[in-house]
Structure formats: structure tokens, C-alpha cells
Amino acid sequence: MSDGDGPAISYLALRRGTLVRGSDGVEVGRVRRVQNNEREHIFDGIVVETKEGRRFVDAPEVARIAEHAVTLSVPAAEVLAAAPPRSRMLERLDHMTLVRRAKRELRNR
């Protein structure tokens, strides 16, 4: 954590492009998007744009969200070794009921 990170902020105010660094101080990448459960107003994590591609960081692994940087509770190497996140469309399809999925399929024919 650096004094230059600015004051702590809510995940709702976190901006795309904000620096993300691991617990070891190594830069992981930049915030791509914030994942949250909008119905229940729960922070789910962040998707980070890295040199190796996008990576998902789960909420418990986010130690501090500040105005200019996000600090994680895990080292950068652990984040970079993780698998890329699934697309939002695939996540939405998984959450659809069978009936809604069938109706959508019929509409598209």
C-alpha cells in the first residue's frame, strides 16, 4: 500500500484503468470491470487486464480499493497464473432457466 494511492473508495466508484498490484507490490495490470451482484449490492470481484490477458480477482482477494490503485491480498504471480474469466454472455446463459433459453432459441429462428 502506497500513500500515493489516494483515499479508500467504494467498489462502486472504482474506475476502469485503475492500477492493480499484488500483495508483493508487483503491478498485475489495470481494472477492466467490476463484478457485482446488482440485486443484493454485493461486491463479487474485479476483472483485470494483464499482459497475459484478462484475469478475475475474487472479492476476498482484494485487500484495498483506493482512488488510484487496488491492492490485492495475494501476490501478482498467483493472479497471473489463474485461468481467464468466462465471458459475460456465457455466465448469463448459465443463469437462464430452460424455458427462457428455449423461448430465446425459438425467437431467433
N, C-alpha and C. Protein backbone atom coordinates (compact mmCIF):
# COMPACT_ATOMS: atom_id res chain seq x y z
N MET A 1 0.85 -1.17 0.00
CA MET A 1 0.00 0.00 0.00
C MET A 1 0.89 1.24 0.00
N SER A 2 0.57 2.16 -0.87
CA SER A 2 1.37 3.37 -1.01
C SER A 2 0.53 4.59 -0.65
N ASP A 3 1.18 5.61 -0.07
CA ASP A 3 0.47 6.84 0.25
C ASP A 3 -0.06 7.52 -1.00
N GLY A 4 0.57 7.27 -2.15
CA GLY A 4 0.17 7.87 -3.41
C GLY A 4 -1.07 7.23 -4.02
N ASP A 5 -1.60 6.19 -3.38
CA ASP A 5 -2.79 5.52 -3.90
C ASP A 5 -4.05 6.34 -3.70
N GLY A 6 -4.01 7.31 -2.82
CA GLY A 6 -5.17 8.13 -2.53
C GLY A 6 -6.05 7.51 -1.46
N PRO A 7 -7.18 8.15 -1.19
CA PRO A 7 -8.07 7.65 -0.14
C PRO A 7 -8.80 6.39 -0.59
N ALA A 8 -9.22 5.59 0.38
CA ALA A 8 -10.01 4.40 0.09
C ALA A 8 -11.36 4.81 -0.49
N ILE A 9 -11.85 4.03 -1.46
CA ILE A 9 -13.14 4.32 -2.09
C ILE A 9 -13.98 3.06 -2.16
N SER A 10 -15.23 3.21 -2.49
CA SER A 10 -16.15 2.09 -2.67
C SER A 10 -15.86 1.40 -4.01
N TYR A 11 -16.19 0.13 -4.09
CA TYR A 11 -16.05 -0.57 -5.37
C TYR A 11 -16.94 0.06 -6.43
N LEU A 12 -18.01 0.71 -6.03
CA LEU A 12 -18.92 1.37 -6.97
C LEU A 12 -18.26 2.56 -7.66
N ALA A 13 -17.25 3.15 -7.03
CA ALA A 13 -16.55 4.31 -7.59
C ALA A 13 -15.27 3.91 -8.32
N LEU A 14 -14.94 2.62 -8.31
CA LEU A 14 -13.71 2.15 -8.96
C LEU A 14 -13.82 2.32 -10.47
N ARG A 15 -12.80 2.95 -11.05
CA ARG A 15 -12.82 3.27 -12.47
C ARG A 15 -12.00 2.27 -13.29
N ARG A 16 -12.45 2.08 -14.51
CA ARG A 16 -11.70 1.26 -15.46
C ARG A 16 -10.33 1.90 -15.69
N GLY A 17 -9.30 1.08 -15.75
CA GLY A 17 -7.94 1.58 -15.98
C GLY A 17 -7.16 1.84 -14.71
N THR A 18 -7.78 1.66 -13.54
CA THR A 18 -7.07 1.85 -12.28
C THR A 18 -6.02 0.76 -12.10
N LEU A 19 -4.85 1.14 -11.63
CA LEU A 19 -3.74 0.22 -11.41
C LEU A 19 -4.10 -0.85 -10.38
N VAL A 20 -3.70 -2.09 -10.65
CA VAL A 20 -3.89 -3.20 -9.71
C VAL A 20 -2.52 -3.79 -9.41
N ARG A 21 -2.21 -3.92 -8.12
CA ARG A 21 -0.92 -4.53 -7.75
C ARG A 21 -1.14 -5.61 -6.70
N GLY A 22 -0.25 -6.59 -6.74
CA GLY A 22 -0.34 -7.70 -5.81
C GLY A 22 0.15 -7.33 -4.42
N SER A 23 0.03 -8.26 -3.50
CA SER A 23 0.46 -8.01 -2.12
C SER A 23 1.98 -7.82 -2.04
N ASP A 24 2.68 -8.31 -3.05
CA ASP A 24 4.14 -8.16 -3.10
C ASP A 24 4.56 -6.84 -3.73
N GLY A 25 3.61 -5.99 -4.11
CA GLY A 25 3.91 -4.69 -4.69
C GLY A 25 4.13 -4.70 -6.19
N VAL A 26 4.08 -5.87 -6.81
CA VAL A 26 4.27 -6.00 -8.26
C VAL A 26 2.97 -5.66 -8.99
N GLU A 27 3.10 -4.87 -10.05
CA GLU A 27 1.92 -4.49 -10.84
C GLU A 27 1.35 -5.70 -11.56
N VAL A 28 0.04 -5.92 -11.41
CA VAL A 28 -0.65 -7.02 -12.06
C VAL A 28 -1.23 -6.56 -13.39
N GLY A 29 -1.84 -5.40 -13.39
CA GLY A 29 -2.47 -4.87 -14.60
C GLY A 29 -3.37 -3.69 -14.25
N ARG A 30 -4.43 -3.55 -15.03
CA ARG A 30 -5.39 -2.45 -14.86
C ARG A 30 -6.80 -3.01 -14.76
N VAL A 31 -7.65 -2.32 -14.02
CA VAL A 31 -9.05 -2.75 -13.87
C VAL A 31 -9.74 -2.70 -15.22
N ARG A 32 -10.37 -3.79 -15.59
CA ARG A 32 -11.18 -3.83 -16.81
C ARG A 32 -12.64 -3.58 -16.46
N ARG A 33 -13.14 -4.29 -15.44
CA ARG A 33 -14.51 -4.06 -14.98
C ARG A 33 -14.68 -4.60 -13.56
N VAL A 34 -15.71 -4.09 -12.91
CA VAL A 34 -16.06 -4.52 -11.56
C VAL A 34 -17.22 -5.50 -11.67
N GLN A 35 -17.10 -6.63 -10.99
CA GLN A 35 -18.17 -7.62 -10.97
C GLN A 35 -18.94 -7.43 -9.66
N ASN A 36 -20.25 -7.28 -9.77
CA ASN A 36 -21.05 -7.18 -8.56
C ASN A 36 -22.40 -7.84 -8.77
N ASN A 37 -23.02 -8.18 -7.66
CA ASN A 37 -24.37 -8.72 -7.68
C ASN A 37 -25.28 -7.52 -7.48
N GLU A 38 -25.86 -7.03 -8.56
CA GLU A 38 -26.63 -5.79 -8.51
C GLU A 38 -27.89 -5.90 -7.64
N ARG A 39 -28.52 -7.06 -7.66
CA ARG A 39 -29.75 -7.22 -6.86
C ARG A 39 -29.48 -7.08 -5.36
N GLU A 40 -28.37 -7.66 -4.93
CA GLU A 40 -28.06 -7.68 -3.49
C GLU A 40 -27.00 -6.68 -3.10
N HIS A 41 -26.46 -5.91 -4.07
CA HIS A 41 -25.44 -4.90 -3.82
C HIS A 41 -24.22 -5.49 -3.11
N ILE A 42 -23.71 -6.58 -3.69
CA ILE A 42 -22.56 -7.27 -3.12
C ILE A 42 -21.41 -7.23 -4.12
N PHE A 43 -20.23 -6.84 -3.65
CA PHE A 43 -19.02 -6.82 -4.47
C PHE A 43 -18.55 -8.25 -4.70
N ASP A 44 -18.40 -8.65 -5.98
CA ASP A 44 -18.02 -10.01 -6.33
C ASP A 44 -16.55 -10.12 -6.70
N GLY A 45 -15.94 -9.05 -7.21
CA GLY A 45 -14.54 -9.07 -7.60
C GLY A 45 -14.28 -8.13 -8.75
N ILE A 46 -13.08 -8.23 -9.33
CA ILE A 46 -12.74 -7.38 -10.47
C ILE A 46 -12.09 -8.22 -11.57
N VAL A 47 -12.28 -7.77 -12.80
CA VAL A 47 -11.59 -8.37 -13.94
C VAL A 47 -10.43 -7.42 -14.25
N VAL A 48 -9.23 -8.00 -14.31
CA VAL A 48 -8.01 -7.22 -14.51
C VAL A 48 -7.45 -7.51 -15.90
N GLU A 49 -7.11 -6.45 -16.62
CA GLU A 49 -6.45 -6.58 -17.93
C GLU A 49 -4.95 -6.66 -17.67
N THR A 50 -4.35 -7.82 -17.98
CA THR A 50 -2.92 -8.02 -17.77
C THR A 50 -2.23 -8.19 -19.12
N LYS A 51 -0.92 -8.30 -19.10
CA LYS A 51 -0.18 -8.55 -20.34
C LYS A 51 -0.48 -9.93 -20.90
N GLU A 52 -0.86 -10.86 -20.04
CA GLU A 52 -1.19 -12.23 -20.44
C GLU A 52 -2.67 -12.41 -20.77
N GLY A 53 -3.47 -11.35 -20.68
CA GLY A 53 -4.91 -11.43 -20.91
C GLY A 53 -5.69 -11.06 -19.66
N ARG A 54 -6.98 -11.22 -19.71
CA ARG A 54 -7.83 -10.87 -18.57
C ARG A 54 -7.79 -11.94 -17.50
N ARG A 55 -7.85 -11.48 -16.25
CA ARG A 55 -7.89 -12.38 -15.10
C ARG A 55 -8.94 -11.87 -14.12
N PHE A 56 -9.64 -12.81 -13.47
CA PHE A 56 -10.64 -12.45 -12.46
C PHE A 56 -10.02 -12.53 -11.09
N VAL A 57 -10.24 -11.50 -10.27
CA VAL A 57 -9.78 -11.47 -8.89
C VAL A 57 -11.02 -11.45 -8.01
N ASP A 58 -11.20 -12.49 -7.21
CA ASP A 58 -12.36 -12.63 -6.35
C ASP A 58 -12.32 -11.58 -5.22
N ALA A 59 -13.48 -11.17 -4.76
CA ALA A 59 -13.59 -10.11 -3.75
C ALA A 59 -12.72 -10.34 -2.50
N PRO A 60 -12.67 -11.56 -1.93
CA PRO A 60 -11.83 -11.75 -0.74
C PRO A 60 -10.34 -11.52 -0.99
N GLU A 61 -9.92 -11.54 -2.26
CA GLU A 61 -8.51 -11.32 -2.60
C GLU A 61 -8.18 -9.85 -2.82
N VAL A 62 -9.19 -8.99 -2.72
CA VAL A 62 -8.98 -7.55 -2.85
C VAL A 62 -8.82 -6.97 -1.45
N ALA A 63 -7.61 -6.52 -1.13
CA ALA A 63 -7.33 -6.02 0.21
C ALA A 63 -7.78 -4.57 0.39
N ARG A 64 -7.54 -3.73 -0.64
CA ARG A 64 -7.86 -2.30 -0.52
C ARG A 64 -8.15 -1.71 -1.89
N ILE A 65 -9.22 -0.94 -1.95
CA ILE A 65 -9.55 -0.21 -3.17
C ILE A 65 -9.36 1.27 -2.85
N ALA A 66 -8.44 1.89 -3.56
CA ALA A 66 -8.15 3.31 -3.37
C ALA A 66 -8.41 4.05 -4.67
N GLU A 67 -8.35 5.35 -4.61
CA GLU A 67 -8.65 6.18 -5.77
C GLU A 67 -7.75 5.90 -6.96
N HIS A 68 -6.46 5.65 -6.71
CA HIS A 68 -5.50 5.49 -7.80
C HIS A 68 -4.96 4.07 -7.96
N ALA A 69 -5.27 3.16 -7.05
CA ALA A 69 -4.74 1.80 -7.14
C ALA A 69 -5.55 0.83 -6.30
N VAL A 70 -5.56 -0.42 -6.74
CA VAL A 70 -6.17 -1.52 -6.00
C VAL A 70 -5.04 -2.41 -5.51
N THR A 71 -5.04 -2.74 -4.23
CA THR A 71 -4.02 -3.62 -3.66
C THR A 71 -4.69 -4.95 -3.32
N LEU A 72 -4.07 -6.03 -3.75
CA LEU A 72 -4.61 -7.37 -3.51
C LEU A 72 -3.99 -8.00 -2.28
N SER A 73 -4.62 -9.04 -1.78
CA SER A 73 -4.08 -9.77 -0.63
C SER A 73 -3.29 -11.00 -1.08
N VAL A 74 -3.14 -11.16 -2.39
CA VAL A 74 -2.36 -12.27 -2.95
C VAL A 74 -1.25 -11.71 -3.84
N PRO A 75 -0.16 -12.46 -4.03
CA PRO A 75 0.92 -11.96 -4.89
C PRO A 75 0.50 -11.92 -6.37
N ALA A 76 1.18 -11.09 -7.13
CA ALA A 76 0.87 -10.90 -8.55
C ALA A 76 0.97 -12.22 -9.33
N ALA A 77 1.97 -13.04 -9.01
CA ALA A 77 2.17 -14.30 -9.73
C ALA A 77 0.96 -15.22 -9.62
N GLU A 78 0.28 -15.20 -8.48
CA GLU A 78 -0.90 -16.04 -8.29
C GLU A 78 -2.05 -15.61 -9.20
N VAL A 79 -2.21 -14.31 -9.36
CA VAL A 79 -3.26 -13.79 -10.23
C VAL A 79 -2.95 -14.13 -11.69
N LEU A 80 -1.69 -13.92 -12.08
CA LEU A 80 -1.30 -14.16 -13.46
C LEU A 80 -1.36 -15.65 -13.83
N ALA A 81 -1.23 -16.53 -12.85
CA ALA A 81 -1.29 -17.96 -13.10
C ALA A 81 -2.72 -18.48 -13.22
N ALA A 82 -3.70 -17.69 -12.83
CA ALA A 82 -5.11 -18.10 -12.87
C ALA A 82 -5.62 -18.18 -14.31
N ALA A 83 -6.69 -18.92 -14.48
CA ALA A 83 -7.33 -19.05 -15.80
C ALA A 83 -8.09 -17.78 -16.14
N PRO A 84 -8.23 -17.46 -17.42
CA PRO A 84 -9.02 -16.29 -17.83
C PRO A 84 -10.49 -16.46 -17.41
N PRO A 85 -11.18 -15.35 -17.13
CA PRO A 85 -12.60 -15.45 -16.73
C PRO A 85 -13.48 -15.83 -17.90
N ARG A 86 -14.64 -16.39 -17.60
CA ARG A 86 -15.63 -16.71 -18.63
C ARG A 86 -16.26 -15.44 -19.14
N SER A 87 -16.77 -15.49 -20.33
CA SER A 87 -17.43 -14.30 -20.89
C SER A 87 -18.74 -14.03 -20.17
N ARG A 88 -19.18 -12.79 -20.21
CA ARG A 88 -20.43 -12.41 -19.56
C ARG A 88 -21.61 -13.11 -20.21
N MET A 89 -21.56 -13.31 -21.53
CA MET A 89 -22.67 -13.97 -22.22
C MET A 89 -22.82 -15.41 -21.74
N LEU A 90 -21.71 -16.13 -21.58
CA LEU A 90 -21.79 -17.50 -21.09
C LEU A 90 -22.33 -17.53 -19.67
N GLU A 91 -21.94 -16.57 -18.84
CA GLU A 91 -22.47 -16.51 -17.48
C GLU A 91 -23.98 -16.29 -17.49
N ARG A 92 -24.44 -15.40 -18.35
CA ARG A 92 -25.89 -15.14 -18.45
C ARG A 92 -26.64 -16.37 -18.92
N LEU A 93 -26.10 -17.08 -19.91
CA LEU A 93 -26.76 -18.29 -20.40
C LEU A 93 -26.86 -19.35 -19.31
N ASP A 94 -25.83 -19.46 -18.49
CA ASP A 94 -25.85 -20.43 -17.39
C ASP A 94 -26.94 -20.11 -16.37
N HIS A 95 -27.26 -18.85 -16.22
CA HIS A 95 -28.25 -18.45 -15.23
C HIS A 95 -29.68 -18.44 -15.76
N MET A 96 -29.84 -18.60 -17.05
CA MET A 96 -31.19 -18.62 -17.63
C MET A 96 -31.86 -19.96 -17.31
N THR A 97 -33.17 -19.91 -17.16
CA THR A 97 -33.89 -21.15 -16.97
C THR A 97 -34.04 -21.83 -18.32
N LEU A 98 -34.35 -23.08 -18.31
CA LEU A 98 -34.53 -23.85 -19.54
C LEU A 98 -35.63 -23.25 -20.41
N VAL A 99 -36.71 -22.81 -19.80
CA VAL A 99 -37.83 -22.23 -20.55
C VAL A 99 -37.41 -20.95 -21.26
N ARG A 100 -36.72 -20.06 -20.55
CA ARG A 100 -36.28 -18.81 -21.17
C ARG A 100 -35.30 -19.09 -22.30
N ARG A 101 -34.44 -20.08 -22.11
CA ARG A 101 -33.48 -20.41 -23.15
C ARG A 101 -34.20 -20.95 -24.40
N ALA A 102 -35.21 -21.77 -24.20
CA ALA A 102 -35.97 -22.32 -25.33
C ALA A 102 -36.73 -21.21 -26.06
N LYS A 103 -37.34 -20.29 -25.33
CA LYS A 103 -38.04 -19.17 -25.96
C LYS A 103 -37.09 -18.32 -26.78
N ARG A 104 -35.93 -18.07 -26.26
CA ARG A 104 -34.94 -17.27 -26.99
C ARG A 104 -34.53 -17.99 -28.28
N GLU A 105 -34.36 -19.30 -28.20
CA GLU A 105 -33.96 -20.09 -29.37
C GLU A 105 -35.06 -20.03 -30.44
N LEU A 106 -36.31 -20.13 -30.04
CA LEU A 106 -37.42 -20.06 -30.99
C LEU A 106 -37.54 -18.68 -31.64
N ARG A 107 -37.28 -17.64 -30.87
CA ARG A 107 -37.34 -16.27 -31.40
C ARG A 107 -36.29 -16.04 -32.48
N ASN A 108 -35.14 -16.66 -32.31
CA ASN A 108 -34.02 -16.43 -33.22
C ASN A 108 -34.12 -17.23 -34.52
N ARG A 109 -35.13 -18.08 -34.66
CA ARG A 109 -35.28 -18.88 -35.89
C ARG A 109 -36.00 -18.12 -36.95
